[in-house]
């Protein structure tokens, strides 16, 4: 796995994940939507920590500054 996410991309994903979790705990979203948002929050957090987005790879997208 090569890094394909830049720092801004990673920070934005963490912020979005925190918003999703906040919406859940504030009971703004419930039911199926809440579950979907929590799963997305987990995926966003994991990909941010690893620095690799599996969806970017087949699409040839990279927000990382260097080409590897």
N, C-alpha and C. Protein backbone atom coordinates (compact mmCIF):
# COMPACT_ATOMS: atom_id res chain seq x y z
N UNK A 1 0.84 -1.18 0.00
CA UNK A 1 0.00 0.00 0.00
C UNK A 1 0.88 1.24 0.00
N UNK A 2 0.70 2.05 -0.99
CA UNK A 2 1.41 3.31 -1.04
C UNK A 2 0.46 4.42 -0.59
N UNK A 3 1.01 5.39 0.08
CA UNK A 3 0.20 6.51 0.53
C UNK A 3 -0.37 7.26 -0.66
N UNK A 4 -1.68 7.49 -0.65
CA UNK A 4 -2.30 8.25 -1.73
C UNK A 4 -3.20 9.37 -1.19
N UNK A 5 -3.02 9.69 0.10
CA UNK A 5 -3.81 10.75 0.71
C UNK A 5 -2.89 11.81 1.30
N UNK A 6 -3.15 13.06 0.96
CA UNK A 6 -2.40 14.16 1.52
C UNK A 6 -2.91 14.54 2.89
N UNK A 7 -2.21 15.42 3.56
CA UNK A 7 -2.54 15.81 4.93
C UNK A 7 -3.90 16.51 4.99
N UNK A 8 -4.20 17.35 4.02
CA UNK A 8 -5.48 18.06 4.03
C UNK A 8 -6.63 17.07 3.88
N UNK A 9 -6.47 16.12 2.99
CA UNK A 9 -7.48 15.08 2.79
C UNK A 9 -7.71 14.30 4.07
N UNK A 10 -6.64 13.96 4.75
CA UNK A 10 -6.73 13.19 5.98
C UNK A 10 -7.42 13.99 7.09
N UNK A 11 -7.08 15.25 7.22
CA UNK A 11 -7.68 16.10 8.26
C UNK A 11 -9.17 16.29 7.98
N UNK A 12 -9.53 16.53 6.72
CA UNK A 12 -10.94 16.71 6.37
C UNK A 12 -11.74 15.46 6.71
N UNK A 13 -11.18 14.29 6.43
CA UNK A 13 -11.88 13.04 6.73
C UNK A 13 -12.08 12.86 8.24
N UNK A 14 -11.08 13.22 9.03
CA UNK A 14 -11.22 13.12 10.48
C UNK A 14 -12.30 14.07 10.98
N UNK A 15 -12.31 15.29 10.47
CA UNK A 15 -13.33 16.27 10.87
C UNK A 15 -14.73 15.78 10.50
N UNK A 16 -14.88 15.26 9.30
CA UNK A 16 -16.19 14.74 8.86
C UNK A 16 -16.60 13.56 9.75
N UNK A 17 -15.67 12.70 10.08
CA UNK A 17 -15.97 11.56 10.96
C UNK A 17 -16.43 12.06 12.33
N UNK A 18 -15.77 13.07 12.86
CA UNK A 18 -16.18 13.63 14.15
C UNK A 18 -17.57 14.25 14.08
N UNK A 19 -17.88 14.89 12.97
CA UNK A 19 -19.22 15.47 12.79
C UNK A 19 -20.27 14.36 12.77
N UNK A 20 -20.00 13.28 12.04
CA UNK A 20 -20.94 12.16 11.98
C UNK A 20 -21.18 11.56 13.36
N UNK A 21 -20.10 11.36 14.11
CA UNK A 21 -20.23 10.80 15.46
C UNK A 21 -20.98 11.78 16.37
N UNK A 22 -20.70 13.06 16.23
CA UNK A 22 -21.41 14.07 17.01
C UNK A 22 -22.89 14.09 16.71
N UNK A 23 -23.26 13.97 15.45
CA UNK A 23 -24.67 13.93 15.07
C UNK A 23 -25.36 12.71 15.68
N UNK A 24 -24.65 11.61 15.73
CA UNK A 24 -25.22 10.40 16.31
C UNK A 24 -25.46 10.58 17.81
N UNK A 25 -24.44 11.04 18.53
CA UNK A 25 -24.57 11.17 19.97
C UNK A 25 -25.50 12.30 20.39
N UNK A 26 -25.74 13.26 19.51
CA UNK A 26 -26.70 14.33 19.80
C UNK A 26 -28.12 13.93 19.40
N UNK A 27 -28.28 12.70 18.92
CA UNK A 27 -29.57 12.17 18.47
C UNK A 27 -30.20 12.97 17.35
N UNK A 28 -29.37 13.56 16.52
CA UNK A 28 -29.86 14.28 15.34
C UNK A 28 -30.21 13.28 14.25
N UNK A 29 -29.42 12.22 14.15
CA UNK A 29 -29.70 11.15 13.19
C UNK A 29 -29.94 9.86 13.97
N UNK A 30 -30.88 9.08 13.48
CA UNK A 30 -31.19 7.81 14.14
C UNK A 30 -31.46 6.75 13.08
N UNK A 31 -31.60 5.53 13.52
CA UNK A 31 -31.97 4.45 12.64
C UNK A 31 -30.88 4.06 11.66
N UNK A 32 -31.33 3.70 10.46
CA UNK A 32 -30.42 3.23 9.43
C UNK A 32 -29.41 4.30 9.03
N UNK A 33 -29.85 5.54 8.92
CA UNK A 33 -28.93 6.62 8.56
C UNK A 33 -27.82 6.75 9.59
N UNK A 34 -28.15 6.60 10.85
CA UNK A 34 -27.14 6.69 11.91
C UNK A 34 -26.10 5.57 11.76
N UNK A 35 -26.57 4.38 11.46
CA UNK A 35 -25.64 3.26 11.29
C UNK A 35 -24.72 3.50 10.10
N UNK A 36 -25.29 3.97 8.99
CA UNK A 36 -24.50 4.25 7.79
C UNK A 36 -23.45 5.31 8.09
N UNK A 37 -23.84 6.38 8.78
CA UNK A 37 -22.90 7.46 9.10
C UNK A 37 -21.80 6.99 10.04
N UNK A 38 -22.13 6.13 11.00
CA UNK A 38 -21.12 5.61 11.91
C UNK A 38 -20.13 4.70 11.17
N UNK A 39 -20.62 3.90 10.25
CA UNK A 39 -19.72 3.07 9.45
C UNK A 39 -18.80 3.94 8.60
N UNK A 40 -19.37 4.97 7.98
CA UNK A 40 -18.55 5.90 7.19
C UNK A 40 -17.52 6.60 8.06
N UNK A 41 -17.92 6.98 9.27
CA UNK A 41 -16.99 7.62 10.19
C UNK A 41 -15.83 6.69 10.51
N UNK A 42 -16.12 5.41 10.70
CA UNK A 42 -15.07 4.43 10.96
C UNK A 42 -14.14 4.27 9.77
N UNK A 43 -14.72 4.21 8.57
CA UNK A 43 -13.91 4.07 7.35
C UNK A 43 -13.04 5.31 7.16
N UNK A 44 -13.64 6.49 7.34
CA UNK A 44 -12.88 7.74 7.19
C UNK A 44 -11.72 7.80 8.18
N UNK A 45 -11.98 7.40 9.42
CA UNK A 45 -10.93 7.42 10.43
C UNK A 45 -9.82 6.44 10.10
N UNK A 46 -10.20 5.23 9.72
CA UNK A 46 -9.20 4.21 9.40
C UNK A 46 -8.34 4.62 8.20
N UNK A 47 -8.98 5.11 7.14
CA UNK A 47 -8.21 5.50 5.96
C UNK A 47 -7.32 6.71 6.26
N UNK A 48 -7.78 7.58 7.13
CA UNK A 48 -6.95 8.74 7.50
C UNK A 48 -5.73 8.31 8.29
N UNK A 49 -5.90 7.38 9.19
CA UNK A 49 -4.77 6.91 9.99
C UNK A 49 -3.76 6.15 9.15
N UNK A 50 -4.24 5.38 8.18
CA UNK A 50 -3.36 4.59 7.33
C UNK A 50 -2.75 5.45 6.21
N UNK A 51 -3.50 6.43 5.74
CA UNK A 51 -3.02 7.29 4.65
C UNK A 51 -3.27 6.70 3.28
N UNK A 52 -4.10 5.69 3.21
CA UNK A 52 -4.39 5.03 1.95
C UNK A 52 -5.90 4.88 1.79
N UNK A 53 -6.41 5.33 0.65
CA UNK A 53 -7.83 5.18 0.33
C UNK A 53 -7.96 4.16 -0.80
N UNK A 54 -8.59 3.00 -0.52
CA UNK A 54 -8.73 1.97 -1.55
C UNK A 54 -9.53 2.43 -2.77
N UNK A 55 -10.43 3.36 -2.59
CA UNK A 55 -11.23 3.85 -3.72
C UNK A 55 -10.40 4.73 -4.65
N UNK A 56 -9.41 5.42 -4.11
CA UNK A 56 -8.56 6.27 -4.94
C UNK A 56 -7.69 5.44 -5.90
N UNK A 57 -7.26 4.26 -5.43
CA UNK A 57 -6.30 3.45 -6.19
C UNK A 57 -6.81 3.07 -7.58
N UNK A 58 -8.00 2.45 -7.74
CA UNK A 58 -8.42 2.08 -9.10
C UNK A 58 -8.77 3.29 -9.97
N UNK A 59 -9.11 4.39 -9.32
CA UNK A 59 -9.45 5.60 -10.07
C UNK A 59 -8.21 6.42 -10.43
N UNK A 60 -7.07 6.06 -9.88
CA UNK A 60 -5.83 6.77 -10.17
C UNK A 60 -5.74 8.14 -9.51
N UNK A 61 -6.47 8.33 -8.42
CA UNK A 61 -6.48 9.61 -7.72
C UNK A 61 -5.43 9.57 -6.62
N UNK A 62 -4.75 10.70 -6.44
CA UNK A 62 -3.81 10.83 -5.35
C UNK A 62 -3.79 12.28 -4.90
N UNK A 63 -4.01 12.50 -3.60
CA UNK A 63 -3.91 13.85 -3.06
C UNK A 63 -2.57 14.03 -2.35
N UNK A 64 -1.74 12.99 -2.42
CA UNK A 64 -0.39 13.03 -1.87
C UNK A 64 0.46 13.90 -2.78
N UNK A 65 1.31 14.70 -2.24
CA UNK A 65 2.10 15.64 -3.01
C UNK A 65 3.07 14.99 -4.00
N UNK A 66 3.63 13.84 -3.64
CA UNK A 66 4.64 13.19 -4.48
C UNK A 66 4.00 12.04 -5.25
N UNK A 67 4.49 11.84 -6.44
CA UNK A 67 4.09 10.66 -7.21
C UNK A 67 4.98 9.52 -6.80
N UNK A 68 4.39 8.37 -6.48
CA UNK A 68 5.19 7.21 -6.08
C UNK A 68 5.03 6.13 -7.10
